[in-house]
């Protein structure tokens, strides 16, 4: 089972690329629901996901 930090990182990556956010877990598993609820309802993460600017996010390439 992933750690809380891994769960947050994974969800954040999907938010950054404005991917459809689809949950694929057992909704009757209260332990999982309690663990991920603060992550999937985080207002800043959701606002980033919903602010699609016509392209997914990406790495910023810095000039040498």
N, C-alpha and C. Protein backbone atom coordinates (compact mmCIF):
# COMPACT_ATOMS: atom_id res chain seq x y z
N UNK A 1 0.85 -1.17 0.00
CA UNK A 1 0.00 0.00 0.00
C UNK A 1 0.90 1.25 0.00
N UNK A 2 0.59 2.22 -0.85
CA UNK A 2 1.41 3.44 -0.90
C UNK A 2 1.29 4.25 0.39
N UNK A 3 2.32 5.04 0.64
CA UNK A 3 2.28 5.91 1.81
C UNK A 3 1.42 7.13 1.52
N UNK A 4 1.12 7.91 2.54
CA UNK A 4 0.32 9.12 2.37
C UNK A 4 1.03 10.11 1.44
N UNK A 5 2.35 10.21 1.57
CA UNK A 5 3.11 11.12 0.70
C UNK A 5 3.02 10.66 -0.76
N UNK A 6 3.08 9.35 -0.99
CA UNK A 6 2.96 8.83 -2.35
C UNK A 6 1.56 9.08 -2.91
N UNK A 7 0.54 8.92 -2.07
CA UNK A 7 -0.83 9.20 -2.50
C UNK A 7 -0.98 10.66 -2.91
N UNK A 8 -0.45 11.57 -2.09
CA UNK A 8 -0.54 13.00 -2.40
C UNK A 8 0.21 13.34 -3.69
N UNK A 9 1.40 12.79 -3.85
CA UNK A 9 2.20 13.06 -5.04
C UNK A 9 1.51 12.54 -6.30
N UNK A 10 0.98 11.35 -6.21
CA UNK A 10 0.30 10.75 -7.35
C UNK A 10 -0.91 11.59 -7.76
N UNK A 11 -1.71 12.00 -6.80
CA UNK A 11 -2.90 12.81 -7.09
C UNK A 11 -2.48 14.17 -7.64
N UNK A 12 -1.43 14.75 -7.08
CA UNK A 12 -0.96 16.06 -7.55
C UNK A 12 -0.51 16.00 -9.00
N UNK A 13 0.16 14.92 -9.38
CA UNK A 13 0.60 14.80 -10.77
C UNK A 13 -0.59 14.76 -11.73
N UNK A 14 -1.64 14.04 -11.34
CA UNK A 14 -2.82 14.00 -12.20
C UNK A 14 -3.48 15.37 -12.26
N UNK A 15 -3.46 16.11 -11.17
CA UNK A 15 -4.05 17.46 -11.17
C UNK A 15 -3.26 18.39 -12.09
N UNK A 16 -1.94 18.32 -12.04
CA UNK A 16 -1.09 19.21 -12.83
C UNK A 16 -1.32 19.03 -14.33
N UNK A 17 -1.52 17.81 -14.78
CA UNK A 17 -1.71 17.58 -16.21
C UNK A 17 -3.18 17.69 -16.62
N UNK A 18 -4.01 18.20 -15.73
CA UNK A 18 -5.44 18.40 -16.01
C UNK A 18 -6.11 17.15 -16.55
N UNK A 19 -5.72 16.03 -16.01
CA UNK A 19 -6.29 14.76 -16.42
C UNK A 19 -7.64 14.57 -15.73
N UNK A 20 -8.56 13.84 -16.36
CA UNK A 20 -9.81 13.53 -15.66
C UNK A 20 -9.50 12.79 -14.35
N UNK A 21 -10.09 13.24 -13.28
CA UNK A 21 -9.84 12.64 -11.97
C UNK A 21 -10.91 11.59 -11.69
N UNK A 22 -10.53 10.34 -11.84
CA UNK A 22 -11.44 9.22 -11.67
C UNK A 22 -10.92 8.35 -10.54
N UNK A 23 -11.79 8.07 -9.58
CA UNK A 23 -11.40 7.23 -8.45
C UNK A 23 -11.70 5.77 -8.78
N UNK A 24 -10.78 4.90 -8.47
CA UNK A 24 -10.96 3.49 -8.74
C UNK A 24 -10.67 2.65 -7.51
N UNK A 25 -11.42 2.88 -6.46
CA UNK A 25 -11.21 2.10 -5.24
C UNK A 25 -12.56 1.64 -4.71
N UNK A 26 -12.53 0.74 -3.76
CA UNK A 26 -13.75 0.22 -3.15
C UNK A 26 -14.35 1.30 -2.25
N UNK A 27 -15.49 1.84 -2.65
CA UNK A 27 -16.13 2.90 -1.88
C UNK A 27 -16.62 2.43 -0.52
N UNK A 28 -16.73 1.12 -0.33
CA UNK A 28 -17.18 0.59 0.94
C UNK A 28 -16.02 0.38 1.93
N UNK A 29 -14.80 0.59 1.47
CA UNK A 29 -13.62 0.44 2.32
C UNK A 29 -13.38 1.77 3.05
N UNK A 30 -13.89 1.85 4.27
CA UNK A 30 -13.84 3.11 5.02
C UNK A 30 -12.41 3.52 5.38
N UNK A 31 -11.52 2.58 5.55
CA UNK A 31 -10.13 2.92 5.86
C UNK A 31 -9.49 3.67 4.69
N UNK A 32 -9.73 3.19 3.48
CA UNK A 32 -9.19 3.87 2.30
C UNK A 32 -9.86 5.24 2.13
N UNK A 33 -11.17 5.28 2.28
CA UNK A 33 -11.89 6.56 2.15
C UNK A 33 -11.37 7.58 3.14
N UNK A 34 -11.15 7.18 4.37
CA UNK A 34 -10.66 8.11 5.39
C UNK A 34 -9.25 8.60 5.07
N UNK A 35 -8.44 7.73 4.46
CA UNK A 35 -7.06 8.10 4.12
C UNK A 35 -7.00 9.06 2.94
N UNK A 36 -7.82 8.83 1.92
CA UNK A 36 -7.69 9.65 0.71
C UNK A 36 -8.62 10.85 0.66
N UNK A 37 -9.63 10.92 1.53
CA UNK A 37 -10.59 12.02 1.46
C UNK A 37 -9.93 13.40 1.57
N UNK A 38 -9.00 13.63 2.49
CA UNK A 38 -8.35 14.95 2.54
C UNK A 38 -7.55 15.26 1.28
N UNK A 39 -7.07 14.24 0.59
CA UNK A 39 -6.29 14.44 -0.63
C UNK A 39 -7.20 14.81 -1.79
N UNK A 40 -8.26 14.04 -1.99
CA UNK A 40 -9.10 14.23 -3.17
C UNK A 40 -10.05 15.42 -3.04
N UNK A 41 -10.17 15.98 -1.85
CA UNK A 41 -11.03 17.16 -1.67
C UNK A 41 -10.23 18.42 -1.41
N UNK A 42 -8.92 18.36 -1.59
CA UNK A 42 -8.08 19.53 -1.33
C UNK A 42 -8.42 20.63 -2.34
N UNK A 43 -8.87 21.80 -1.86
CA UNK A 43 -9.35 22.84 -2.78
C UNK A 43 -8.29 23.37 -3.75
N UNK A 44 -7.05 23.48 -3.32
CA UNK A 44 -6.01 23.99 -4.21
C UNK A 44 -5.71 22.98 -5.32
N UNK A 45 -5.60 21.71 -4.96
CA UNK A 45 -5.34 20.68 -5.97
C UNK A 45 -6.47 20.64 -7.00
N UNK A 46 -7.70 20.71 -6.53
CA UNK A 46 -8.83 20.68 -7.45
C UNK A 46 -8.88 21.92 -8.34
N UNK A 47 -8.53 23.08 -7.79
CA UNK A 47 -8.54 24.29 -8.61
C UNK A 47 -7.45 24.22 -9.68
N UNK A 48 -6.31 23.63 -9.37
CA UNK A 48 -5.26 23.45 -10.38
C UNK A 48 -5.75 22.51 -11.46
N UNK A 49 -6.39 21.43 -11.09
CA UNK A 49 -6.90 20.48 -12.06
C UNK A 49 -7.95 21.11 -12.96
N UNK A 50 -8.76 21.99 -12.42
CA UNK A 50 -9.86 22.58 -13.17
C UNK A 50 -9.46 23.82 -13.95
N UNK A 51 -8.24 24.28 -13.80
CA UNK A 51 -7.80 25.48 -14.53
C UNK A 51 -7.05 25.10 -15.80
N UNK A 52 -7.69 24.31 -16.62
CA UNK A 52 -7.09 23.84 -17.85
C UNK A 52 -6.87 25.02 -18.78
N UNK A 53 -5.65 25.21 -19.25
CA UNK A 53 -5.30 26.36 -20.09
C UNK A 53 -5.07 25.94 -21.54
N UNK A 54 -5.69 24.88 -21.98
CA UNK A 54 -5.53 24.43 -23.35
C UNK A 54 -4.41 23.44 -23.57
N UNK A 55 -3.65 23.17 -22.53
CA UNK A 55 -2.55 22.22 -22.65
C UNK A 55 -2.26 21.66 -21.27
N UNK A 56 -1.77 20.42 -21.21
CA UNK A 56 -1.43 19.88 -19.90
C UNK A 56 -0.15 20.53 -19.37
N UNK A 57 0.07 20.41 -18.11
CA UNK A 57 1.29 20.93 -17.52
C UNK A 57 2.50 20.15 -17.99
N UNK A 58 3.66 20.66 -17.69
CA UNK A 58 4.88 19.98 -18.10
C UNK A 58 6.06 20.52 -17.34
N UNK A 59 7.22 19.98 -17.65
CA UNK A 59 8.44 20.44 -17.01
C UNK A 59 8.87 21.76 -17.62
N UNK A 60 9.37 22.63 -16.80
CA UNK A 60 9.90 23.89 -17.29
C UNK A 60 11.37 23.66 -17.63
N UNK A 61 11.72 23.91 -18.86
CA UNK A 61 13.11 23.71 -19.29
C UNK A 61 13.85 25.02 -19.16
N UNK A 62 14.90 25.03 -18.36
CA UNK A 62 15.67 26.24 -18.13
C UNK A 62 16.87 26.28 -19.05
N UNK A 63 17.11 27.45 -19.60
CA UNK A 63 18.28 27.62 -20.47
C UNK A 63 19.55 27.55 -19.63
N UNK A 64 20.63 26.97 -20.21
CA UNK A 64 21.88 26.85 -19.42
C UNK A 64 22.55 28.19 -19.21
